[in-house]
């Protein structure tokens, strides 16, 4: 064995489970010179304790033992999510095909029939450890791909500047609320809010300052709504807030609360602090209009608030 193989094997732990000290000694003498870290147990009960204390990479286990036998021990190992993936090779003096079939059916990967040769032991151990390594690599790759897909899915639904839901995401939620209304009659409401004089902030202090205002306003809207509410950046300096299971009066109350909360906040802009205000339009879904029409009514209310002097809440009739 070359040094690299020996070094690699030093990281791999094999548990030998056998009530025969002679068999344990023989297996240790075969495996230890090849760099494998060996642990031993003289019964199924002891093996279960050892396994959960230090998860081995592979198990060599006798079938016939006092107490719980190898088959029962194997069943218990395979029934636990943490240990189910550990390959188990049965070492037995029995060569009956029925016994082997039973062993494979409960999760064993191989059988070694006594008497065995050192070369056979090493070859089978190496093969199953390599297979186990490939399976683990495959599992890690699947997990990495799943995490990457989840991140991509989140990015596709999130506005990169404000970390709020984006237009695409909020439209999906609006359709879901519309479907729920049709099933259960549970109404929902919308608030459209637009930052007043935002262009002036951008033109006077620069787009970096404008971005800072957008992020701070987004945080205030998020922190002052319920967990089930969805705050989205609808476009530019405009926000859309979806309020599930909320009637028009409840949406108006929230819009007034948001207005007061943001009015009381001082924004650091340039060398001074400024007040930032928003205009709010509120509408509740009635069931006879489309989502676009519902949004349009809220938008019209928001523009009415602008025309009434800004920093106002206007509610749909």
C-alpha atoms as a PDB file:
ATOM      1  CA  UNK A   1       0.000   0.000   0.000  1.00  0.00           C
ATOM      2  CA  UNK A   2       1.355   3.452  -0.900  1.00  0.00           C
ATOM      3  CA  UNK A   3       1.607   6.295   1.615  1.00  0.00           C
ATOM      4  CA  UNK A   4      -1.306   8.266   0.124  1.00  0.00           C
ATOM      5  CA  UNK A   5      -3.667   5.283   0.386  1.00  0.00           C
ATOM      6  CA  UNK A   6      -2.563   4.643   3.966  1.00  0.00           C
ATOM      7  CA  UNK A   7      -3.083   8.298   4.836  1.00  0.00           C
ATOM      8  CA  UNK A   8      -6.579   8.252   3.291  1.00  0.00           C
ATOM      9  CA  UNK A   9      -7.545   5.065   5.159  1.00  0.00           C
ATOM     10  CA  UNK A  10      -6.529   6.625   8.493  1.00  0.00           C
ATOM     11  CA  UNK A  11      -9.633   8.774   8.226  1.00  0.00           C
ATOM     12  CA  UNK A  12     -11.887   5.747   7.773  1.00  0.00           C
ATOM     13  CA  UNK A  13     -13.273   3.944  10.801  1.00  0.00           C
ATOM     14  CA  UNK A  14     -14.430   0.318  10.767  1.00  0.00           C
ATOM     15  CA  UNK A  15     -16.456  -1.249  13.566  1.00  0.00           C
ATOM     16  CA  UNK A  16     -15.977  -5.003  14.064  1.00  0.00           C
ATOM     17  CA  UNK A  17     -18.894  -6.653  15.889  1.00  0.00           C
ATOM     18  CA  UNK A  18     -18.239 -10.259  16.927  1.00  0.00           C
ATOM     19  CA  UNK A  19     -18.407 -12.216  20.164  1.00  0.00           C
ATOM     20  CA  UNK A  20     -15.358 -14.247  19.136  1.00  0.00           C
ATOM     21  CA  UNK A  21     -12.087 -12.621  20.294  1.00  0.00           C
ATOM     22  CA  UNK A  22     -10.245 -14.769  17.744  1.00  0.00           C
ATOM     23  CA  UNK A  23     -12.246 -13.417  14.775  1.00  0.00           C
ATOM     24  CA  UNK A  24     -11.884  -9.858  16.059  1.00  0.00           C
ATOM     25  CA  UNK A  25      -8.119 -10.309  16.384  1.00  0.00           C
ATOM     26  CA  UNK A  26      -7.799 -11.765  12.872  1.00  0.00           C
ATOM     27  CA  UNK A  27      -9.798  -8.948  11.295  1.00  0.00           C
ATOM     28  CA  UNK A  28      -7.812  -6.290  13.165  1.00  0.00           C
ATOM     29  CA  UNK A  29      -4.522  -7.827  12.004  1.00  0.00           C
ATOM     30  CA  UNK A  30      -5.750  -7.751   8.411  1.00  0.00           C
ATOM     31  CA  UNK A  31      -7.124  -4.212   8.443  1.00  0.00           C
ATOM     32  CA  UNK A  32      -4.938  -2.140  10.781  1.00  0.00           C
ATOM     33  CA  UNK A  33      -1.715  -2.413   8.697  1.00  0.00           C
ATOM     34  CA  UNK A  34      -3.646  -0.740   5.860  1.00  0.00           C
ATOM     35  CA  UNK A  35      -4.391   2.348   7.913  1.00  0.00           C
ATOM     36  CA  UNK A  36      -7.966   1.713   8.942  1.00  0.00           C
ATOM     37  CA  UNK A  37      -9.037   2.912  12.370  1.00  0.00           C
ATOM     38  CA  UNK A  38     -10.626  -0.073  14.126  1.00  0.00           C
ATOM     39  CA  UNK A  39     -13.241  -0.136  16.888  1.00  0.00           C
ATOM     40  CA  UNK A  40     -14.736  -3.312  18.300  1.00  0.00           C
ATOM     41  CA  UNK A  41     -17.877  -4.543  20.056  1.00  0.00           C
ATOM     42  CA  UNK A  42     -18.533  -8.061  21.366  1.00  0.00           C
ATOM     43  CA  UNK A  43     -22.350  -7.923  21.124  1.00  0.00           C
ATOM     44  CA  UNK A  44     -25.158  -6.244  19.239  1.00  0.00           C
ATOM     45  CA  UNK A  45     -26.073  -4.201  22.321  1.00  0.00           C
ATOM     46  CA  UNK A  46     -22.527  -2.882  22.682  1.00  0.00           C
ATOM     47  CA  UNK A  47     -22.350  -2.196  18.944  1.00  0.00           C
ATOM     48  CA  UNK A  48     -25.402   0.079  19.111  1.00  0.00           C
ATOM     49  CA  UNK A  49     -23.792   2.098  21.908  1.00  0.00           C
ATOM     50  CA  UNK A  50     -20.493   2.421  20.017  1.00  0.00           C
ATOM     51  CA  UNK A  51     -22.212   3.381  16.751  1.00  0.00           C
ATOM     52  CA  UNK A  52     -24.163   6.271  18.232  1.00  0.00           C
ATOM     53  CA  UNK A  53     -21.106   7.530  20.105  1.00  0.00           C
ATOM     54  CA  UNK A  54     -18.877   7.543  17.027  1.00  0.00           C
ATOM     55  CA  UNK A  55     -20.407   6.856  13.629  1.00  0.00           C
ATOM     56  CA  UNK A  56     -18.195   4.353  11.765  1.00  0.00           C
ATOM     57  CA  UNK A  57     -17.737   4.353   7.996  1.00  0.00           C
ATOM     58  CA  UNK A  58     -18.356   0.604   7.723  1.00  0.00           C
ATOM     59  CA  UNK A  59     -19.426  -2.299   9.971  1.00  0.00           C
ATOM     60  CA  UNK A  60     -18.187  -5.904   9.863  1.00  0.00           C
ATOM     61  CA  UNK A  61     -20.670  -7.902  11.919  1.00  0.00           C
ATOM     62  CA  UNK A  62     -21.196 -11.531  12.885  1.00  0.00           C
ATOM     63  CA  UNK A  63     -24.671 -12.930  12.313  1.00  0.00           C
ATOM     64  CA  UNK A  64     -24.850 -15.294  15.280  1.00  0.00           C
ATOM     65  CA  UNK A  65     -24.203 -13.622  18.646  1.00  0.00           C
ATOM     66  CA  UNK A  66     -25.586 -13.890  22.149  1.00  0.00           C
ATOM     67  CA  UNK A  67     -28.241 -11.328  23.007  1.00  0.00           C
ATOM     68  CA  UNK A  68     -29.546  -9.572  19.906  1.00  0.00           C
ATOM     69  CA  UNK A  69     -28.086 -11.214  16.830  1.00  0.00           C
ATOM     70  CA  UNK A  70     -26.541  -9.541  13.805  1.00  0.00           C
ATOM     71  CA  UNK A  71     -29.771  -9.370  11.829  1.00  0.00           C
ATOM     72  CA  UNK A  72     -31.674  -7.638  14.635  1.00  0.00           C
ATOM     73  CA  UNK A  73     -28.756  -5.248  15.218  1.00  0.00           C
ATOM     74  CA  UNK A  74     -28.746  -4.457  11.503  1.00  0.00           C
ATOM     75  CA  UNK A  75     -32.483  -3.706  11.556  1.00  0.00           C
ATOM     76  CA  UNK A  76     -32.031  -1.242  14.415  1.00  0.00           C
ATOM     77  CA  UNK A  77     -29.114   0.460  12.684  1.00  0.00           C
ATOM     78  CA  UNK A  78     -31.060   0.794   9.425  1.00  0.00           C
ATOM     79  CA  UNK A  79     -34.165   2.116  11.177  1.00  0.00           C
ATOM     80  CA  UNK A  80     -32.330   5.193  12.454  1.00  0.00           C
ATOM     81  CA  UNK A  81     -31.860   8.086  10.047  1.00  0.00           C
ATOM     82  CA  UNK A  82     -28.400   8.903  11.445  1.00  0.00           C
ATOM     83  CA  UNK A  83     -27.007   5.398  10.940  1.00  0.00           C
ATOM     84  CA  UNK A  84     -29.073   4.011   8.060  1.00  0.00           C
ATOM     85  CA  UNK A  85     -26.405   4.814   5.474  1.00  0.00           C
ATOM     86  CA  UNK A  86     -23.547   2.912   7.149  1.00  0.00           C
ATOM     87  CA  UNK A  87     -22.678  -0.158   5.017  1.00  0.00           C
ATOM     88  CA  UNK A  88     -22.916  -3.458   6.922  1.00  0.00           C
ATOM     89  CA  UNK A  89     -20.964  -6.559   5.843  1.00  0.00           C
ATOM     90  CA  UNK A  90     -22.021  -9.721   7.595  1.00  0.00           C
ATOM     91  CA  UNK A  91     -19.304 -12.179   8.607  1.00  0.00           C
ATOM     92  CA  UNK A  92     -20.764 -15.653   9.011  1.00  0.00           C
ATOM     93  CA  UNK A  93     -20.008 -19.338   8.846  1.00  0.00           C
ATOM     94  CA  UNK A  94     -23.440 -19.945   7.319  1.00  0.00           C
ATOM     95  CA  UNK A  95     -23.630 -20.158   3.555  1.00  0.00           C
ATOM     96  CA  UNK A  96     -27.363 -20.777   3.128  1.00  0.00           C
ATOM     97  CA  UNK A  97     -28.873 -18.665   0.378  1.00  0.00           C
ATOM     98  CA  UNK A  98     -32.011 -18.084   2.506  1.00  0.00           C
ATOM     99  CA  UNK A  99     -29.937 -16.462   5.243  1.00  0.00           C
ATOM    100  CA  UNK A 100     -28.106 -14.283   2.742  1.00  0.00           C
ATOM    101  CA  UNK A 101     -31.398 -13.207   1.167  1.00  0.00           C
ATOM    102  CA  UNK A 102     -32.716 -12.258   4.627  1.00  0.00           C
ATOM    103  CA  UNK A 103     -29.565 -10.248   5.321  1.00  0.00           C
ATOM    104  CA  UNK A 104     -29.772  -8.346   2.031  1.00  0.00           C
ATOM    105  CA  UNK A 105     -33.473  -7.673   2.592  1.00  0.00           C
ATOM    106  CA  UNK A 106     -32.799  -5.937   5.912  1.00  0.00           C
ATOM    107  CA  UNK A 107     -30.046  -3.729   4.471  1.00  0.00           C
ATOM    108  CA  UNK A 108     -26.717  -5.597   4.416  1.00  0.00           C
ATOM    109  CA  UNK A 109     -24.446  -4.783   1.467  1.00  0.00           C
ATOM    110  CA  UNK A 110     -22.353  -7.977   1.464  1.00  0.00           C
ATOM    111  CA  UNK A 111     -21.556 -11.326   3.113  1.00  0.00           C
ATOM    112  CA  UNK A 112     -18.132 -12.710   4.054  1.00  0.00           C
ATOM    113  CA  UNK A 113     -18.203 -16.447   4.681  1.00  0.00           C
ATOM    114  CA  UNK A 114     -15.816 -17.966   7.212  1.00  0.00           C
ATOM    115  CA  UNK A 115     -13.099 -18.975   6.628  1.00  0.00           C
ATOM    116  CA  UNK A 116     -12.089 -15.929   4.619  1.00  0.00           C
ATOM    117  CA  UNK A 117      -8.850 -14.695   3.098  1.00  0.00           C
ATOM    118  CA  UNK A 118      -7.114 -11.429   3.885  1.00  0.00           C
ATOM    119  CA  UNK A 119      -7.221 -10.401   0.229  1.00  0.00           C
ATOM    120  CA  UNK A 120     -10.972 -10.964   0.055  1.00  0.00           C
ATOM    121  CA  UNK A 121     -11.563  -8.951   3.247  1.00  0.00           C
ATOM    122  CA  UNK A 122      -9.453  -6.033   2.011  1.00  0.00           C
ATOM    123  CA  UNK A 123     -10.991  -6.034  -1.459  1.00  0.00           C
ATOM    124  CA  UNK A 124     -14.576  -6.025  -0.214  1.00  0.00           C
ATOM    125  CA  UNK A 125     -13.910  -3.471   2.514  1.00  0.00           C
ATOM    126  CA  UNK A 126     -12.200  -1.167   0.018  1.00  0.00           C
ATOM    127  CA  UNK A 127     -15.022  -1.569  -2.520  1.00  0.00           C
ATOM    128  CA  UNK A 128     -17.799  -0.774  -0.043  1.00  0.00           C
ATOM    129  CA  UNK A 129     -15.941   2.167   1.467  1.00  0.00           C
ATOM    130  CA  UNK A 130     -15.416   3.591  -2.004  1.00  0.00           C
ATOM    131  CA  UNK A 131     -19.102   3.088  -2.799  1.00  0.00           C
ATOM    132  CA  UNK A 132     -20.032   4.752   0.469  1.00  0.00           C
ATOM    133  CA  UNK A 133     -17.775   7.688  -0.412  1.00  0.00           C
ATOM    134  CA  UNK A 134     -19.417   8.044  -3.820  1.00  0.00           C
ATOM    135  CA  UNK A 135     -22.887   7.934  -2.246  1.00  0.00           C
ATOM    136  CA  UNK A 136     -21.901  10.627   0.267  1.00  0.00           C
ATOM    137  CA  UNK A 137     -20.486  12.787  -2.528  1.00  0.00           C
ATOM    138  CA  UNK A 138     -23.720  12.342  -4.443  1.00  0.00           C
ATOM    139  CA  UNK A 139     -25.779  13.272  -1.369  1.00  0.00           C
ATOM    140  CA  UNK A 140     -23.654  16.390  -0.786  1.00  0.00           C
ATOM    141  CA  UNK A 141     -24.043  17.364  -4.437  1.00  0.00           C
ATOM    142  CA  UNK A 142     -27.830  16.993  -4.176  1.00  0.00           C
ATOM    143  CA  UNK A 143     -27.864  19.119  -1.010  1.00  0.00           C
ATOM    144  CA  UNK A 144     -25.676  21.776  -2.663  1.00  0.00           C
ATOM    145  CA  UNK A 145     -27.953  21.834  -5.719  1.00  0.00           C
ATOM    146  CA  UNK A 146     -31.035  22.059  -3.502  1.00  0.00           C
ATOM    147  CA  UNK A 147     -29.533  24.978  -1.557  1.00  0.00           C
ATOM    148  CA  UNK A 148     -28.528  26.688  -4.801  1.00  0.00           C
ATOM    149  CA  UNK A 149     -32.022  26.256  -6.228  1.00  0.00           C
ATOM    150  CA  UNK A 150     -33.549  27.662  -3.040  1.00  0.00           C
ATOM    151  CA  UNK A 151     -31.231  30.682  -3.218  1.00  0.00           C
ATOM    152  CA  UNK A 152     -32.042  31.224  -6.886  1.00  0.00           C
ATOM    153  CA  UNK A 153     -35.743  30.906  -6.130  1.00  0.00           C
ATOM    154  CA  UNK A 154     -35.420  33.475  -3.341  1.00  0.00           C
ATOM    155  CA  UNK A 155     -33.435  35.831  -5.583  1.00  0.00           C
ATOM    156  CA  UNK A 156     -36.047  35.546  -8.314  1.00  0.00           C
ATOM    157  CA  UNK A 157     -38.716  36.708  -5.839  1.00  0.00           C
ATOM    158  CA  UNK A 158     -36.708  39.410  -4.050  1.00  0.00           C
ATOM    159  CA  UNK A 159     -35.923  43.012  -4.882  1.00  0.00           C
ATOM    160  CA  UNK A 160     -32.142  43.215  -4.670  1.00  0.00           C
ATOM    161  CA  UNK A 161     -31.986  46.718  -3.187  1.00  0.00           C
ATOM    162  CA  UNK A 162     -34.657  46.549  -0.490  1.00  0.00           C
ATOM    163  CA  UNK A 163     -34.840  42.758   0.071  1.00  0.00           C
ATOM    164  CA  UNK A 164     -38.618  43.042  -0.156  1.00  0.00           C
ATOM    165  CA  UNK A 165     -40.756  40.882  -2.404  1.00  0.00           C
ATOM    166  CA  UNK A 166     -40.563  41.983  -6.006  1.00  0.00           C
ATOM    167  CA  UNK A 167     -43.382  42.620  -8.470  1.00  0.00           C
ATOM    168  CA  UNK A 168     -43.404  39.055  -9.752  1.00  0.00           C
ATOM    169  CA  UNK A 169     -43.623  37.568  -6.253  1.00  0.00           C
ATOM    170  CA  UNK A 170     -46.390  39.838  -4.983  1.00  0.00           C
ATOM    171  CA  UNK A 171     -48.511  39.103  -8.065  1.00  0.00           C
ATOM    172  CA  UNK A 172     -48.225  35.391  -7.298  1.00  0.00           C
ATOM    173  CA  UNK A 173     -49.393  36.008  -3.721  1.00  0.00           C
ATOM    174  CA  UNK A 174     -52.244  38.218  -4.940  1.00  0.00           C
ATOM    175  CA  UNK A 175     -53.514  35.446  -7.201  1.00  0.00           C
ATOM    176  CA  UNK A 176     -53.299  33.005  -4.293  1.00  0.00           C
ATOM    177  CA  UNK A 177     -55.346  35.378  -2.099  1.00  0.00           C
ATOM    178  CA  UNK A 178     -57.904  35.799  -4.873  1.00  0.00           C
ATOM    179  CA  UNK A 179     -58.262  32.004  -5.100  1.00  0.00           C
ATOM    180  CA  UNK A 180     -58.632  31.758  -1.329  1.00  0.00           C
ATOM    181  CA  UNK A 181     -61.334  34.444  -1.422  1.00  0.00           C
ATOM    182  CA  UNK A 182     -63.232  32.412  -4.028  1.00  0.00           C
ATOM    183  CA  UNK A 183     -63.019  29.300  -1.830  1.00  0.00           C
ATOM    184  CA  UNK A 184     -63.677  30.768   1.613  1.00  0.00           C
ATOM    185  CA  UNK A 185     -64.861  34.355   1.173  1.00  0.00           C
ATOM    186  CA  UNK A 186     -61.906  35.663   3.218  1.00  0.00           C
ATOM    187  CA  UNK A 187     -61.286  39.171   1.969  1.00  0.00           C
ATOM    188  CA  UNK A 188     -57.935  40.882   1.653  1.00  0.00           C
ATOM    189  CA  UNK A 189     -56.809  44.463   1.268  1.00  0.00           C
ATOM    190  CA  UNK A 190     -54.050  46.396  -0.466  1.00  0.00           C
ATOM    191  CA  UNK A 191     -52.069  49.474   0.404  1.00  0.00           C
ATOM    192  CA  UNK A 192     -50.068  51.263  -2.267  1.00  0.00           C
ATOM    193  CA  UNK A 193     -47.592  53.751  -0.832  1.00  0.00           C
ATOM    194  CA  UNK A 194     -45.328  56.114  -2.741  1.00  0.00           C
ATOM    195  CA  UNK A 195     -42.493  58.243  -1.341  1.00  0.00           C
ATOM    196  CA  UNK A 196     -43.287  61.940  -1.731  1.00  0.00           C
ATOM    197  CA  UNK A 197     -40.863  64.166  -3.681  1.00  0.00           C
ATOM    198  CA  UNK A 198     -38.479  61.254  -4.175  1.00  0.00           C
ATOM    199  CA  UNK A 199     -37.098  62.694  -7.427  1.00  0.00           C
ATOM    200  CA  UNK A 200     -36.048  65.813  -5.520  1.00  0.00           C
ATOM    201  CA  UNK A 201     -34.037  63.699  -3.070  1.00  0.00           C
ATOM    202  CA  UNK A 202     -32.324  61.927  -5.953  1.00  0.00           C
ATOM    203  CA  UNK A 203     -31.615  65.094  -7.898  1.00  0.00           C
ATOM    204  CA  UNK A 204     -30.383  67.062  -4.871  1.00  0.00           C
ATOM    205  CA  UNK A 205     -28.418  64.433  -2.942  1.00  0.00           C
ATOM    206  CA  UNK A 206     -27.720  61.730  -5.518  1.00  0.00           C
ATOM    207  CA  UNK A 207     -28.977  58.224  -6.211  1.00  0.00           C
ATOM    208  CA  UNK A 208     -26.958  56.717  -3.373  1.00  0.00           C
ATOM    209  CA  UNK A 209     -28.976  58.790  -0.923  1.00  0.00           C
ATOM    210  CA  UNK A 210     -32.159  57.784  -2.740  1.00  0.00           C
ATOM    211  CA  UNK A 211     -31.243  54.123  -2.363  1.00  0.00           C
ATOM    212  CA  UNK A 212     -30.582  54.653   1.338  1.00  0.00           C
ATOM    213  CA  UNK A 213     -34.041  56.185   1.785  1.00  0.00           C
ATOM    214  CA  UNK A 214     -35.660  53.292  -0.089  1.00  0.00           C
ATOM    215  CA  UNK A 215     -33.935  50.739   2.142  1.00  0.00           C
ATOM    216  CA  UNK A 216     -34.811  52.562   5.367  1.00  0.00           C
ATOM    217  CA  UNK A 217     -38.455  53.021   4.369  1.00  0.00           C
ATOM    218  CA  UNK A 218     -38.591  49.331   3.375  1.00  0.00           C
ATOM    219  CA  UNK A 219     -37.335  48.314   6.819  1.00  0.00           C
ATOM    220  CA  UNK A 220     -39.950  50.480   8.519  1.00  0.00           C
ATOM    221  CA  UNK A 221     -42.766  49.033   6.414  1.00  0.00           C
ATOM    222  CA  UNK A 222     -41.592  45.477   7.069  1.00  0.00           C
ATOM    223  CA  UNK A 223     -41.173  45.955  10.823  1.00  0.00           C
ATOM    224  CA  UNK A 224     -44.579  47.578  11.249  1.00  0.00           C
ATOM    225  CA  UNK A 225     -46.656  44.963   9.463  1.00  0.00           C
ATOM    226  CA  UNK A 226     -47.721  41.482  10.538  1.00  0.00           C
ATOM    227  CA  UNK A 227     -45.654  38.374   9.676  1.00  0.00           C
ATOM    228  CA  UNK A 228     -48.415  37.233   7.292  1.00  0.00           C
ATOM    229  CA  UNK A 229     -48.507  40.582   5.459  1.00  0.00           C
ATOM    230  CA  UNK A 230     -46.342  40.889   2.354  1.00  0.00           C
ATOM    231  CA  UNK A 231     -44.530  44.117   1.596  1.00  0.00           C
ATOM    232  CA  UNK A 232     -43.255  44.441  -1.959  1.00  0.00           C
ATOM    233  CA  UNK A 233     -41.369  47.000  -3.945  1.00  0.00           C
ATOM    234  CA  UNK A 234     -43.894  47.646  -6.690  1.00  0.00           C
ATOM    235  CA  UNK A 235     -41.618  49.842  -8.774  1.00  0.00           C
ATOM    236  CA  UNK A 236     -39.273  52.798  -8.294  1.00  0.00           C
ATOM    237  CA  UNK A 237     -40.236  54.454  -5.015  1.00  0.00           C
ATOM    238  CA  UNK A 238     -43.634  52.737  -4.864  1.00  0.00           C
ATOM    239  CA  UNK A 239     -44.588  49.919  -2.480  1.00  0.00           C
ATOM    240  CA  UNK A 240     -47.501  47.482  -2.464  1.00  0.00           C
ATOM    241  CA  UNK A 241     -48.595  45.862   0.800  1.00  0.00           C
ATOM    242  CA  UNK A 242     -50.834  42.794   0.724  1.00  0.00           C
ATOM    243  CA  UNK A 243     -52.925  42.291   3.868  1.00  0.00           C
ATOM    244  CA  UNK A 244     -54.515  38.803   3.981  1.00  0.00           C
ATOM    245  CA  UNK A 245     -57.788  38.353   5.898  1.00  0.00           C
ATOM    246  CA  UNK A 246     -58.089  42.116   6.364  1.00  0.00           C
ATOM    247  CA  UNK A 247     -61.106  44.327   5.688  1.00  0.00           C
ATOM    248  CA  UNK A 248     -60.939  47.887   4.418  1.00  0.00           C
ATOM    249  CA  UNK A 249     -61.126  49.471   7.876  1.00  0.00           C
ATOM    250  CA  UNK A 250     -58.222  47.371   9.149  1.00  0.00           C
ATOM    251  CA  UNK A 251     -56.128  48.330   6.132  1.00  0.00           C
ATOM    252  CA  UNK A 252     -56.906  52.013   6.686  1.00  0.00           C
ATOM    253  CA  UNK A 253     -55.858  51.721  10.338  1.00  0.00           C
ATOM    254  CA  UNK A 254     -52.548  50.167   9.318  1.00  0.00           C
ATOM    255  CA  UNK A 255     -51.910  52.828   6.642  1.00  0.00           C
ATOM    256  CA  UNK A 256     -52.442  55.579   9.217  1.00  0.00           C
ATOM    257  CA  UNK A 257     -50.075  53.804  11.616  1.00  0.00           C
ATOM    258  CA  UNK A 258     -47.416  53.496   8.908  1.00  0.00           C
ATOM    259  CA  UNK A 259     -47.818  57.175   8.027  1.00  0.00           C
ATOM    260  CA  UNK A 260     -47.339  58.256  11.650  1.00  0.00           C
ATOM    261  CA  UNK A 261     -44.392  55.899  12.177  1.00  0.00           C
ATOM    262  CA  UNK A 262     -42.494  57.135   9.109  1.00  0.00           C
ATOM    263  CA  UNK A 263     -43.347  60.790   9.817  1.00  0.00           C
ATOM    264  CA  UNK A 264     -41.708  60.459  13.240  1.00  0.00           C
ATOM    265  CA  UNK A 265     -38.480  59.051  11.787  1.00  0.00           C
ATOM    266  CA  UNK A 266     -35.586  61.405  11.010  1.00  0.00           C
ATOM    267  CA  UNK A 267     -33.594  60.404   7.930  1.00  0.00           C
ATOM    268  CA  UNK A 268     -29.918  61.334   7.696  1.00  0.00           C
ATOM    269  CA  UNK A 269     -29.571  62.974   4.295  1.00  0.00           C
ATOM    270  CA  UNK A 270     -26.416  64.835   3.400  1.00  0.00           C
ATOM    271  CA  UNK A 271     -25.229  66.837   6.397  1.00  0.00           C
ATOM    272  CA  UNK A 272     -28.673  67.178   7.939  1.00  0.00           C
ATOM    273  CA  UNK A 273     -31.722  65.193   8.917  1.00  0.00           C
ATOM    274  CA  UNK A 274     -34.939  65.311   6.922  1.00  0.00           C
ATOM    275  CA  UNK A 275     -38.471  64.007   7.212  1.00  0.00           C
ATOM    276  CA  UNK A 276     -39.611  61.594   4.546  1.00  0.00           C
ATOM    277  CA  UNK A 277     -43.332  61.171   3.872  1.00  0.00           C
ATOM    278  CA  UNK A 278     -45.425  58.815   1.772  1.00  0.00           C
ATOM    279  CA  UNK A 279     -48.847  59.001   0.176  1.00  0.00           C
ATOM    280  CA  UNK A 280     -51.116  55.976   0.691  1.00  0.00           C
ATOM    281  CA  UNK A 281     -53.966  54.442  -1.282  1.00  0.00           C
ATOM    282  CA  UNK A 282     -56.105  51.718   0.315  1.00  0.00           C
ATOM    283  CA  UNK A 283     -58.486  49.250  -1.319  1.00  0.00           C
ATOM    284  CA  UNK A 284     -60.140  45.946  -0.363  1.00  0.00           C
ATOM    285  CA  UNK A 285     -60.855  43.134  -2.784  1.00  0.00           C
ATOM    286  CA  UNK A 286     -64.570  42.812  -3.430  1.00  0.00           C
ATOM    287  CA  UNK A 287     -64.668  39.609  -5.476  1.00  0.00           C
ATOM    288  CA  UNK A 288     -66.220  41.002  -8.654  1.00  0.00           C
ATOM    289  CA  UNK A 289     -63.099  42.623 -10.082  1.00  0.00           C
ATOM    290  CA  UNK A 290     -59.758  41.372 -11.357  1.00  0.00           C
ATOM    291  CA  UNK A 291     -56.517  41.703  -9.429  1.00  0.00           C
ATOM    292  CA  UNK A 292     -55.410  44.412 -11.882  1.00  0.00           C
ATOM    293  CA  UNK A 293     -58.599  46.370 -11.212  1.00  0.00           C
ATOM    294  CA  UNK A 294     -58.122  46.011  -7.462  1.00  0.00           C
ATOM    295  CA  UNK A 295     -54.553  47.328  -7.719  1.00  0.00           C
ATOM    296  CA  UNK A 296     -55.695  50.147 -10.032  1.00  0.00           C
ATOM    297  CA  UNK A 297     -58.226  51.377  -7.456  1.00  0.00           C
ATOM    298  CA  UNK A 298     -55.579  51.434  -4.740  1.00  0.00           C
ATOM    299  CA  UNK A 299     -53.245  53.263  -7.132  1.00  0.00           C
ATOM    300  CA  UNK A 300     -55.928  55.841  -7.933  1.00  0.00           C
ATOM    301  CA  UNK A 301     -56.424  56.437  -4.211  1.00  0.00           C
ATOM    302  CA  UNK A 302     -52.681  56.934  -3.799  1.00  0.00           C
ATOM    303  CA  UNK A 303     -52.646  59.563  -6.569  1.00  0.00           C
ATOM    304  CA  UNK A 304     -55.647  61.228  -4.935  1.00  0.00           C
ATOM    305  CA  UNK A 305     -53.569  61.434  -1.740  1.00  0.00           C
ATOM    306  CA  UNK A 306     -50.800  63.126  -3.759  1.00  0.00           C
ATOM    307  CA  UNK A 307     -53.293  65.632  -5.175  1.00  0.00           C
ATOM    308  CA  UNK A 308     -54.639  66.387  -1.701  1.00  0.00           C
ATOM    309  CA  UNK A 309     -51.222  67.597  -0.564  1.00  0.00           C
ATOM    310  CA  UNK A 310     -49.277  64.342  -0.060  1.00  0.00           C
ATOM    311  CA  UNK A 311     -48.602  62.566   3.249  1.00  0.00           C
ATOM    312  CA  UNK A 312     -52.248  61.486   3.212  1.00  0.00           C
ATOM    313  CA  UNK A 313     -54.226  58.231   3.392  1.00  0.00           C
ATOM    314  CA  UNK A 314     -57.061  57.912   0.897  1.00  0.00           C
ATOM    315  CA  UNK A 315     -59.429  54.948   1.070  1.00  0.00           C
ATOM    316  CA  UNK A 316     -61.431  53.518  -1.800  1.00  0.00           C
ATOM    317  CA  UNK A 317     -65.186  54.016  -1.684  1.00  0.00           C
END
